[in-house]
Amino acid sequence: MNILGIIPARFASSRFPAKALADIDGKTMIQRVMEQSRKAESLSRVVVATDHEAIADHVRSFGGDVIMTSENHQSGTDRCFEAMQAVGGEVDYVINIQGDEPFIKPEQINLLASVLDGTTELATLVKRIDDQTVLFNTSTPKVVLNSRSEALYFSRQTLPFLRERKPEEWLQHHVFYKHIGIYAYRADILAQITQLPPSLLEKAEALEQLRWLENGYRIRCVVTELDSYGIDTPEDLERLERHFSNTGPDKT
């Protein structure tokens, strides 16, 4: 199975411009993501897909593989499709590795890759929620699964609603999952979903994956025990640095 790892890294960001180049203990964020991703044995190749020469030059400086892509993409999925086309050759699956998760574990990538058997259209990771704050945090997307471990729905709200229980008791009476934002796309499916117009549910929740569900695509969900540490703002970076200064990335 030829699985291409792509790390989308755009330069512009309203909340954290040029965050791919942010320094984290002597290495940039994008270098850390690349180094962690390259440790995943399941990936045939890992490339950074960017829209800015500063990021591209930096990736080349530490020996990374980079593809220049358009500045006009609305999502990382669209950027991954352009990069896959530029790479060429026979690609079975693409794994979209978030460029703002510098401590991603290669085990997470390998776990996701383990379900890419040719029949899987799309796949992503989920993690059981064990914290009340996370459960009701609308910045953390949740996912409801069917009996085949496929996504029924993603929402920023807490789903399902437990009618007969007080909210503070919900974790004791149901298993809730949060979404870990790493995606796998079968190559032909990636080509198809990038042609879909934004959907009503996607616009309502600001969650791109709802577009795929609304159009009948199946998203396989794999449960991971490892957490995710995304960085959207400079404040997120400060909190992450404080956290790992105490625990280290391998102790979480």
Protein backbone atom coordinates (compact mmCIF):
# COMPACT_ATOMS: atom_id res chain seq x y z
CA MET A 1 0.00 0.00 0.00
CA ASN A 2 1.46 3.35 -1.07
CA ILE A 3 0.44 5.90 1.57
CA LEU A 4 1.54 9.49 1.08
CA GLY A 5 1.80 11.71 4.15
CA ILE A 6 1.05 15.38 3.44
CA ILE A 7 1.50 18.22 5.93
CA PRO A 8 -0.46 21.29 4.77
CA ALA A 9 1.23 24.49 5.98
CA ARG A 10 -0.15 27.83 4.86
CA PHE A 11 1.54 31.06 5.82
CA ALA A 12 -1.45 33.31 6.48
CA SER A 13 -3.54 32.84 9.62
CA SER A 14 -5.82 35.34 11.27
CA ARG A 15 -5.03 34.03 14.75
CA PHE A 16 -1.37 33.05 14.34
CA PRO A 17 0.40 34.22 11.15
CA ALA A 18 3.40 32.14 10.06
CA LYS A 19 2.84 29.66 12.89
CA ALA A 20 4.56 26.92 10.88
CA LEU A 21 7.81 28.81 11.50
CA ALA A 22 7.21 29.38 15.21
CA ASP A 23 10.13 28.26 17.37
CA ILE A 24 9.57 25.45 19.87
CA ASP A 25 12.65 24.77 21.94
CA GLY A 26 15.09 25.34 19.09
CA LYS A 27 13.11 23.83 16.22
CA THR A 28 10.25 25.23 14.19
CA MET A 29 6.79 23.77 14.44
CA ILE A 30 6.86 22.46 10.87
CA GLN A 31 10.24 20.77 11.40
CA ARG A 32 8.91 18.98 14.47
CA VAL A 33 5.81 17.79 12.60
CA MET A 34 7.95 16.57 9.70
CA GLU A 35 10.41 14.74 11.96
CA GLN A 36 7.63 13.00 13.88
CA SER A 37 5.79 12.06 10.69
CA ARG A 38 8.90 10.54 9.12
CA LYS A 39 9.07 8.08 12.02
CA ALA A 40 5.79 6.48 10.89
CA GLU A 41 6.75 3.28 9.05
CA SER A 42 3.36 3.18 7.32
CA LEU A 43 4.12 6.22 5.16
CA SER A 44 5.90 5.80 1.83
CA ARG A 45 6.78 9.48 1.67
CA VAL A 46 6.15 12.67 3.66
CA VAL A 47 5.87 16.09 2.03
CA VAL A 48 4.99 19.58 3.21
CA ALA A 49 2.40 21.33 1.03
CA THR A 50 2.73 25.10 1.42
CA ASP A 51 1.76 28.34 -0.29
CA HIS A 52 4.75 30.42 0.79
CA GLU A 53 8.42 30.41 -0.21
CA ALA A 54 9.61 31.20 3.33
CA ILE A 55 8.12 27.94 4.57
CA ALA A 56 9.34 26.04 1.52
CA ASP A 57 12.89 27.36 1.88
CA HIS A 58 12.93 26.48 5.55
CA VAL A 59 11.71 22.93 4.93
CA ARG A 60 14.42 22.45 2.30
CA SER A 61 17.02 23.77 4.75
CA PHE A 62 16.53 20.80 7.09
CA GLY A 63 16.24 18.29 4.25
CA GLY A 64 12.48 18.11 4.07
CA ASP A 65 10.42 17.39 0.98
CA VAL A 66 8.15 20.27 -0.08
CA ILE A 67 5.49 20.98 -2.72
CA MET A 68 4.39 24.52 -3.60
CA THR A 69 0.60 24.89 -3.77
CA SER A 70 -1.95 27.63 -4.44
CA GLU A 71 -2.65 30.47 -2.01
CA ASN A 72 -6.38 30.15 -2.73
CA HIS A 73 -7.22 26.83 -1.09
CA GLN A 74 -10.04 26.97 1.45
CA SER A 75 -8.98 23.84 3.32
CA GLY A 76 -6.12 21.49 4.00
CA THR A 77 -8.00 18.83 2.05
CA ASP A 78 -7.87 20.95 -1.11
CA ARG A 79 -4.16 21.59 -0.57
CA CYS A 80 -3.56 17.85 -0.11
CA PHE A 81 -5.23 17.10 -3.43
CA GLU A 82 -3.05 19.56 -5.32
CA ALA A 83 0.05 18.15 -3.62
CA MET A 84 -0.96 14.57 -4.44
CA GLN A 85 -1.34 15.54 -8.09
CA ALA A 86 2.06 17.22 -8.07
CA VAL A 87 3.75 14.18 -6.53
CA GLY A 88 2.30 11.95 -9.25
CA GLY A 89 2.82 8.22 -9.47
CA GLU A 90 0.61 5.55 -7.93
CA VAL A 91 -0.82 6.75 -4.61
CA ASP A 92 -3.37 4.56 -2.81
CA TYR A 93 -4.08 6.82 0.18
CA VAL A 94 -3.16 10.25 1.46
CA ILE A 95 -2.89 11.01 5.17
CA ASN A 96 -3.40 14.67 6.01
CA ILE A 97 -1.16 15.42 9.00
CA GLN A 98 -1.94 18.68 10.73
CA GLY A 99 0.93 21.16 10.47
CA ASP A 100 0.17 22.65 13.88
CA GLU A 101 0.65 19.48 15.97
CA PRO A 102 4.40 19.43 16.64
CA PHE A 103 4.25 16.48 19.03
CA ILE A 104 2.13 14.14 16.95
CA LYS A 105 3.07 10.54 17.66
CA PRO A 106 4.07 8.26 14.76
CA GLU A 107 1.95 5.60 16.47
CA GLN A 108 -1.13 7.72 15.74
CA ILE A 109 -0.28 7.84 12.04
CA ASN A 110 0.41 4.09 11.94
CA LEU A 111 -2.85 3.36 13.75
CA LEU A 112 -4.83 5.33 11.19
CA ALA A 113 -2.95 3.66 8.35
CA SER A 114 -3.82 0.22 9.74
CA VAL A 115 -7.43 0.50 8.51
CA LEU A 116 -6.55 1.61 4.98
CA ASP A 117 -7.36 -1.64 3.21
CA GLY A 118 -8.61 -0.38 -0.13
CA THR A 119 -12.28 -0.45 0.87
CA THR A 120 -12.00 2.37 3.42
CA GLU A 121 -13.02 5.65 1.77
CA LEU A 122 -12.07 8.09 4.52
CA ALA A 123 -10.71 7.60 8.02
CA THR A 124 -9.86 9.64 11.09
CA LEU A 125 -8.97 9.23 14.75
CA VAL A 126 -11.16 9.71 17.81
CA LYS A 127 -10.40 9.60 21.53
CA ARG A 128 -12.64 8.82 24.46
CA ILE A 129 -13.45 11.92 26.52
CA ASP A 130 -12.73 11.61 30.22
CA ASP A 131 -12.78 15.26 31.22
CA GLN A 132 -15.90 17.33 31.92
CA THR A 133 -14.31 20.51 30.56
CA VAL A 134 -13.51 18.87 27.22
CA LEU A 135 -16.98 17.33 27.04
CA PHE A 136 -18.70 20.70 27.04
CA ASN A 137 -16.06 22.74 25.22
CA THR A 138 -17.57 23.89 21.91
CA SER A 139 -14.07 24.32 20.45
CA THR A 140 -13.62 20.54 20.66
CA PRO A 141 -15.56 18.65 17.97
CA LYS A 142 -17.31 15.49 19.12
CA VAL A 143 -18.28 12.51 17.00
CA VAL A 144 -21.10 9.97 17.26
CA LEU A 145 -20.30 6.51 15.88
CA ASN A 146 -22.42 3.74 14.42
CA SER A 147 -21.99 0.02 15.15
CA ARG A 148 -19.33 -0.24 12.40
CA SER A 149 -17.19 2.52 13.95
CA GLU A 150 -18.17 4.94 11.21
CA ALA A 151 -19.06 8.56 11.91
CA LEU A 152 -22.75 9.36 12.11
CA TYR A 153 -22.21 13.03 12.89
CA PHE A 154 -19.63 15.54 14.09
CA SER A 155 -20.64 18.49 16.24
CA ARG A 156 -19.24 21.19 18.44
CA GLN A 157 -22.12 20.48 20.78
CA THR A 158 -22.03 17.58 23.21
CA LEU A 159 -23.73 14.59 21.56
CA PRO A 160 -25.73 12.57 22.35
CA PHE A 161 -27.93 14.39 24.85
CA LEU A 162 -28.62 12.21 27.91
CA ARG A 163 -32.21 13.09 28.71
CA GLU A 164 -32.49 11.28 32.04
CA ARG A 165 -29.16 12.44 33.48
CA LYS A 166 -27.72 15.68 34.80
CA PRO A 167 -24.86 16.98 32.61
CA GLU A 168 -22.32 16.48 35.38
CA GLU A 169 -23.23 12.76 35.36
CA TRP A 170 -22.95 12.18 31.61
CA LEU A 171 -19.42 10.80 31.57
CA GLN A 172 -20.43 8.12 34.06
CA HIS A 173 -23.30 6.88 31.87
CA HIS A 174 -22.14 7.12 28.27
CA VAL A 175 -18.97 6.92 26.16
CA PHE A 176 -18.30 10.20 24.37
CA TYR A 177 -15.60 10.72 21.74
CA LYS A 178 -13.71 13.78 20.62
CA HIS A 179 -12.33 14.09 17.13
CA ILE A 180 -8.56 14.04 16.53
CA GLY A 181 -7.99 16.06 13.35
CA ILE A 182 -5.91 13.74 11.20
CA TYR A 183 -7.53 12.41 8.02
CA ALA A 184 -6.88 9.60 5.59
CA TYR A 185 -8.35 9.76 2.09
CA ARG A 186 -8.41 7.07 -0.55
CA ALA A 187 -6.89 8.75 -3.60
CA ASP A 188 -10.01 8.55 -5.77
CA ILE A 189 -12.22 9.78 -2.92
CA LEU A 190 -9.91 12.75 -2.31
CA ALA A 191 -10.38 13.75 -5.94
CA GLN A 192 -14.16 13.52 -5.54
CA ILE A 193 -14.65 15.39 -2.27
CA THR A 194 -12.59 18.37 -3.40
CA GLN A 195 -15.23 18.94 -6.10
CA LEU A 196 -18.12 19.15 -3.61
CA PRO A 197 -19.60 22.58 -2.78
CA PRO A 198 -19.78 23.61 0.90
CA SER A 199 -22.81 22.02 2.56
CA LEU A 200 -25.43 23.38 4.94
CA LEU A 201 -24.26 21.40 7.96
CA GLU A 202 -20.64 22.25 7.24
CA LYS A 203 -21.50 25.95 7.22
CA ALA A 204 -23.53 25.65 10.41
CA GLU A 205 -20.83 23.87 12.44
CA ALA A 206 -17.73 25.05 10.53
CA LEU A 207 -16.63 21.41 10.22
CA GLU A 208 -15.49 20.36 6.76
CA GLN A 209 -16.05 16.64 7.33
CA LEU A 210 -19.82 17.19 7.52
CA ARG A 211 -19.74 17.98 3.79
CA TRP A 212 -18.52 14.45 3.15
CA LEU A 213 -21.16 12.86 5.36
CA GLU A 214 -23.94 14.92 3.78
CA ASN A 215 -22.88 13.61 0.40
CA GLY A 216 -22.97 9.98 1.47
CA TYR A 217 -19.28 9.24 2.06
CA ARG A 218 -18.29 6.92 4.91
CA ILE A 219 -15.73 8.01 7.49
CA ARG A 220 -14.09 5.16 9.41
CA CYS A 221 -13.18 6.18 12.97
CA VAL A 222 -10.31 4.57 14.86
CA VAL A 223 -10.06 4.96 18.63
CA THR A 224 -6.68 6.14 19.92
CA GLU A 225 -5.48 6.39 23.50
CA LEU A 226 -3.03 9.15 22.58
CA ASP A 227 -4.09 12.76 22.79
CA SER A 228 -3.73 15.62 20.32
CA TYR A 229 -2.05 18.98 20.94
CA GLY A 230 -2.96 21.45 18.22
CA ILE A 231 -1.76 25.06 18.19
CA ASP A 232 -4.13 27.70 16.84
CA THR A 233 -2.90 30.80 18.68
CA PRO A 234 0.29 32.11 20.33
CA GLU A 235 -1.41 31.45 23.66
CA ASP A 236 -1.85 27.78 22.71
CA LEU A 237 1.89 27.61 22.02
CA GLU A 238 2.71 29.12 25.42
CA ARG A 239 0.45 26.63 27.19
CA LEU A 240 1.92 23.70 25.27
CA GLU A 241 5.48 24.76 26.05
CA ARG A 242 4.63 25.03 29.77
CA HIS A 243 2.97 21.62 29.68
CA PHE A 244 5.87 19.83 28.02
CA SER A 245 8.46 21.62 30.14
CA ASN A 246 6.92 19.70 33.05
CA THR A 247 6.00 16.39 31.41
CA GLY A 248 7.96 16.04 28.19
CA PRO A 249 6.16 14.98 24.98
CA ASP A 250 6.80 11.29 25.64
CA LYS A 251 5.19 11.32 29.09
CA THR A 252 1.69 12.41 28.04
